[in-house]
């Protein structure tokens, strides 16, 4: 039994998935990533109903052509 649990842990630690499409619908989702998270995508759309909060010691936004901000008030600094 203990060796089965160790085998499951080993597979879980080194599990990679390749899928054509993945859909998730959840009420709440929490992820705690200790070291590094990376997303590589052709396009990313993030639609937030109320508040989007992003915090970091350093933040970088880079664009080759254009960055657009549209708001009633914009506070920098």
N, C-alpha and C. Protein backbone atom coordinates (compact mmCIF):
# COMPACT_ATOMS: atom_id res chain seq x y z
N UNK A 1 0.83 -1.19 0.00
CA UNK A 1 0.00 0.00 0.00
C UNK A 1 0.87 1.26 0.00
N UNK A 2 1.90 1.29 0.84
CA UNK A 2 2.79 2.44 0.93
C UNK A 2 3.51 2.67 -0.38
N UNK A 3 3.92 1.60 -1.06
CA UNK A 3 4.61 1.74 -2.35
C UNK A 3 3.66 2.29 -3.41
N UNK A 4 2.37 1.95 -3.33
CA UNK A 4 1.39 2.52 -4.26
C UNK A 4 1.25 4.02 -4.06
N UNK A 5 1.23 4.46 -2.82
CA UNK A 5 1.13 5.89 -2.52
C UNK A 5 2.37 6.61 -3.03
N UNK A 6 3.54 6.04 -2.83
CA UNK A 6 4.77 6.64 -3.33
C UNK A 6 4.74 6.73 -4.86
N UNK A 7 4.23 5.70 -5.51
CA UNK A 7 4.12 5.72 -6.97
C UNK A 7 3.17 6.81 -7.45
N UNK A 8 2.06 6.97 -6.77
CA UNK A 8 1.10 8.02 -7.13
C UNK A 8 1.72 9.39 -6.92
N UNK A 9 2.43 9.58 -5.83
CA UNK A 9 3.12 10.86 -5.58
C UNK A 9 4.14 11.15 -6.67
N UNK A 10 4.91 10.15 -7.07
CA UNK A 10 5.91 10.33 -8.11
C UNK A 10 5.25 10.76 -9.42
N UNK A 11 4.17 10.10 -9.79
CA UNK A 11 3.46 10.44 -11.03
C UNK A 11 2.88 11.85 -10.93
N UNK A 12 2.33 12.21 -9.78
CA UNK A 12 1.75 13.54 -9.60
C UNK A 12 2.81 14.62 -9.69
N UNK A 13 4.01 14.37 -9.21
CA UNK A 13 5.08 15.36 -9.27
C UNK A 13 5.57 15.60 -10.69
N UNK A 14 5.49 14.61 -11.53
CA UNK A 14 6.04 14.72 -12.88
C UNK A 14 4.96 14.56 -13.94
N UNK A 15 3.78 15.08 -13.69
CA UNK A 15 2.66 14.90 -14.59
C UNK A 15 2.58 16.06 -15.59
N UNK A 16 2.62 15.77 -16.87
CA UNK A 16 2.44 16.75 -17.93
C UNK A 16 1.20 16.36 -18.72
N UNK A 17 0.45 17.37 -19.17
CA UNK A 17 -0.75 17.09 -19.95
C UNK A 17 -0.67 17.80 -21.29
N UNK A 18 -1.11 17.13 -22.31
CA UNK A 18 -1.22 17.73 -23.63
C UNK A 18 -2.66 17.53 -24.07
N UNK A 19 -3.40 18.63 -24.21
CA UNK A 19 -4.81 18.55 -24.59
C UNK A 19 -5.08 19.58 -25.67
N UNK A 20 -6.10 19.34 -26.45
CA UNK A 20 -6.51 20.28 -27.48
C UNK A 20 -7.31 21.42 -26.87
N UNK A 21 -8.16 21.11 -25.91
CA UNK A 21 -8.99 22.13 -25.28
C UNK A 21 -9.26 21.72 -23.83
N UNK A 22 -9.18 22.71 -22.93
CA UNK A 22 -9.46 22.47 -21.53
C UNK A 22 -10.42 23.55 -21.06
N UNK A 23 -11.55 23.15 -20.53
CA UNK A 23 -12.53 24.09 -19.99
C UNK A 23 -12.75 23.78 -18.52
N UNK A 24 -12.80 24.85 -17.73
CA UNK A 24 -13.06 24.70 -16.30
C UNK A 24 -14.15 25.70 -15.92
N UNK A 25 -15.06 25.27 -15.07
CA UNK A 25 -16.08 26.16 -14.53
C UNK A 25 -16.16 25.86 -13.04
N UNK A 26 -15.69 26.83 -12.26
CA UNK A 26 -15.64 26.64 -10.82
C UNK A 26 -16.20 27.88 -10.13
N UNK A 27 -16.63 27.71 -8.89
CA UNK A 27 -17.11 28.85 -8.11
C UNK A 27 -15.94 29.63 -7.53
N UNK A 28 -14.95 28.95 -6.98
CA UNK A 28 -13.76 29.56 -6.44
C UNK A 28 -12.55 28.72 -6.82
N UNK A 29 -11.43 29.38 -7.04
CA UNK A 29 -10.20 28.66 -7.36
C UNK A 29 -9.04 29.34 -6.66
N UNK A 30 -8.20 28.57 -6.01
CA UNK A 30 -7.02 29.09 -5.31
C UNK A 30 -5.81 28.29 -5.78
N UNK A 31 -4.75 29.01 -6.12
CA UNK A 31 -3.50 28.35 -6.49
C UNK A 31 -2.38 28.99 -5.68
N UNK A 32 -1.56 28.18 -5.08
CA UNK A 32 -0.40 28.66 -4.36
C UNK A 32 0.82 28.08 -5.08
N UNK A 33 1.56 28.94 -5.74
CA UNK A 33 2.72 28.51 -6.50
C UNK A 33 3.95 29.05 -5.78
N UNK A 34 4.79 28.17 -5.33
CA UNK A 34 5.91 28.57 -4.48
C UNK A 34 7.01 29.29 -5.26
N UNK A 35 7.29 28.86 -6.49
CA UNK A 35 8.47 29.40 -7.16
C UNK A 35 8.16 30.18 -8.43
N UNK A 36 7.53 29.60 -9.43
CA UNK A 36 7.46 30.23 -10.75
C UNK A 36 6.24 29.73 -11.51
N UNK A 37 5.55 30.64 -12.18
CA UNK A 37 4.44 30.28 -13.07
C UNK A 37 4.64 31.01 -14.38
N UNK A 38 4.41 30.32 -15.47
CA UNK A 38 4.59 30.92 -16.80
C UNK A 38 3.46 30.48 -17.71
N UNK A 39 2.94 31.42 -18.48
CA UNK A 39 1.93 31.12 -19.49
C UNK A 39 2.44 31.61 -20.83
N UNK A 40 2.45 30.75 -21.82
CA UNK A 40 2.79 31.14 -23.18
C UNK A 40 1.54 30.92 -24.01
N UNK A 41 1.07 32.00 -24.64
CA UNK A 41 -0.18 31.89 -25.39
C UNK A 41 -0.14 32.84 -26.58
N UNK A 42 -0.93 32.53 -27.58
CA UNK A 42 -1.10 33.44 -28.71
C UNK A 42 -1.84 34.69 -28.28
N UNK A 43 -2.86 34.53 -27.47
CA UNK A 43 -3.64 35.65 -26.93
C UNK A 43 -4.12 35.27 -25.54
N UNK A 44 -4.23 36.26 -24.67
CA UNK A 44 -4.79 36.05 -23.33
C UNK A 44 -5.83 37.13 -23.10
N UNK A 45 -7.03 36.73 -22.73
CA UNK A 45 -8.10 37.66 -22.40
C UNK A 45 -8.49 37.41 -20.96
N UNK A 46 -8.50 38.46 -20.17
CA UNK A 46 -8.87 38.37 -18.76
C UNK A 46 -10.04 39.33 -18.53
N UNK A 47 -11.23 38.82 -18.34
CA UNK A 47 -12.41 39.64 -18.10
C UNK A 47 -12.78 39.52 -16.63
N UNK A 48 -12.78 40.64 -15.94
CA UNK A 48 -13.04 40.65 -14.50
C UNK A 48 -14.29 41.47 -14.25
N UNK A 49 -15.24 40.92 -13.53
CA UNK A 49 -16.52 41.58 -13.29
C UNK A 49 -16.39 42.79 -12.37
N UNK A 50 -15.52 42.71 -11.35
CA UNK A 50 -15.46 43.79 -10.37
C UNK A 50 -14.06 44.40 -10.26
N UNK A 51 -13.15 43.77 -9.58
CA UNK A 51 -11.84 44.36 -9.31
C UNK A 51 -10.73 43.41 -9.74
N UNK A 52 -9.75 43.94 -10.43
CA UNK A 52 -8.54 43.19 -10.77
C UNK A 52 -7.41 43.77 -9.94
N UNK A 53 -6.78 42.97 -9.11
CA UNK A 53 -5.71 43.40 -8.22
C UNK A 53 -4.47 42.59 -8.55
N UNK A 54 -3.40 43.28 -8.88
CA UNK A 54 -2.12 42.62 -9.14
C UNK A 54 -1.06 43.33 -8.30
N UNK A 55 -0.25 42.57 -7.59
CA UNK A 55 0.75 43.16 -6.71
C UNK A 55 2.06 42.40 -6.85
N UNK A 56 3.14 43.13 -6.89
CA UNK A 56 4.44 42.48 -6.94
C UNK A 56 5.53 43.45 -6.54
N UNK A 57 6.66 42.91 -6.17
CA UNK A 57 7.79 43.76 -5.85
C UNK A 57 8.20 44.56 -7.09
N UNK A 58 8.13 43.95 -8.24
CA UNK A 58 8.40 44.61 -9.51
C UNK A 58 7.35 44.15 -10.51
N UNK A 59 6.89 45.06 -11.36
CA UNK A 59 5.94 44.71 -12.42
C UNK A 59 6.43 45.32 -13.73
N UNK A 60 6.34 44.57 -14.80
CA UNK A 60 6.79 45.03 -16.11
C UNK A 60 5.70 44.74 -17.12
N UNK A 61 5.33 45.75 -17.88
CA UNK A 61 4.42 45.58 -19.02
C UNK A 61 5.15 46.08 -20.24
N UNK A 62 5.29 45.24 -21.23
CA UNK A 62 6.00 45.63 -22.46
C UNK A 62 5.11 45.38 -23.65
N UNK A 63 5.19 46.27 -24.63
CA UNK A 63 4.45 46.10 -25.87
C UNK A 63 5.32 46.59 -27.02
N UNK A 64 5.22 45.94 -28.17
CA UNK A 64 5.97 46.38 -29.34
C UNK A 64 5.31 47.58 -30.01
N UNK A 65 3.97 47.66 -29.97
CA UNK A 65 3.29 48.71 -30.71
C UNK A 65 2.52 49.68 -29.82
N UNK A 66 1.65 49.19 -28.94
CA UNK A 66 0.74 50.10 -28.26
C UNK A 66 0.32 49.53 -26.91
N UNK A 67 0.19 50.42 -25.94
CA UNK A 67 -0.44 50.11 -24.66
C UNK A 67 -1.58 51.10 -24.51
N UNK A 68 -2.77 50.61 -24.23
CA UNK A 68 -3.95 51.47 -24.13
C UNK A 68 -4.54 51.34 -22.73
N UNK A 69 -4.80 52.47 -22.10
CA UNK A 69 -5.50 52.50 -20.82
C UNK A 69 -6.70 53.41 -20.99
N UNK A 70 -7.86 52.95 -20.58
CA UNK A 70 -9.09 53.73 -20.71
C UNK A 70 -9.81 53.66 -19.38
N UNK A 71 -9.95 54.83 -18.71
CA UNK A 71 -10.59 54.84 -17.40
C UNK A 71 -11.07 56.25 -17.09
N UNK A 72 -11.96 56.32 -16.14
CA UNK A 72 -12.41 57.63 -15.66
C UNK A 72 -11.26 58.37 -14.98
N UNK A 73 -10.48 57.66 -14.17
CA UNK A 73 -9.30 58.22 -13.51
C UNK A 73 -8.15 57.23 -13.65
N UNK A 74 -6.96 57.73 -13.89
CA UNK A 74 -5.74 56.91 -13.93
C UNK A 74 -4.75 57.53 -12.96
N UNK A 75 -4.30 56.76 -11.98
CA UNK A 75 -3.35 57.26 -10.97
C UNK A 75 -2.03 56.52 -11.18
N UNK A 76 -0.98 57.24 -11.47
CA UNK A 76 0.36 56.67 -11.59
C UNK A 76 1.25 57.31 -10.54
N UNK A 77 1.91 56.51 -9.76
CA UNK A 77 2.82 57.08 -8.77
C UNK A 77 2.37 56.84 -7.43
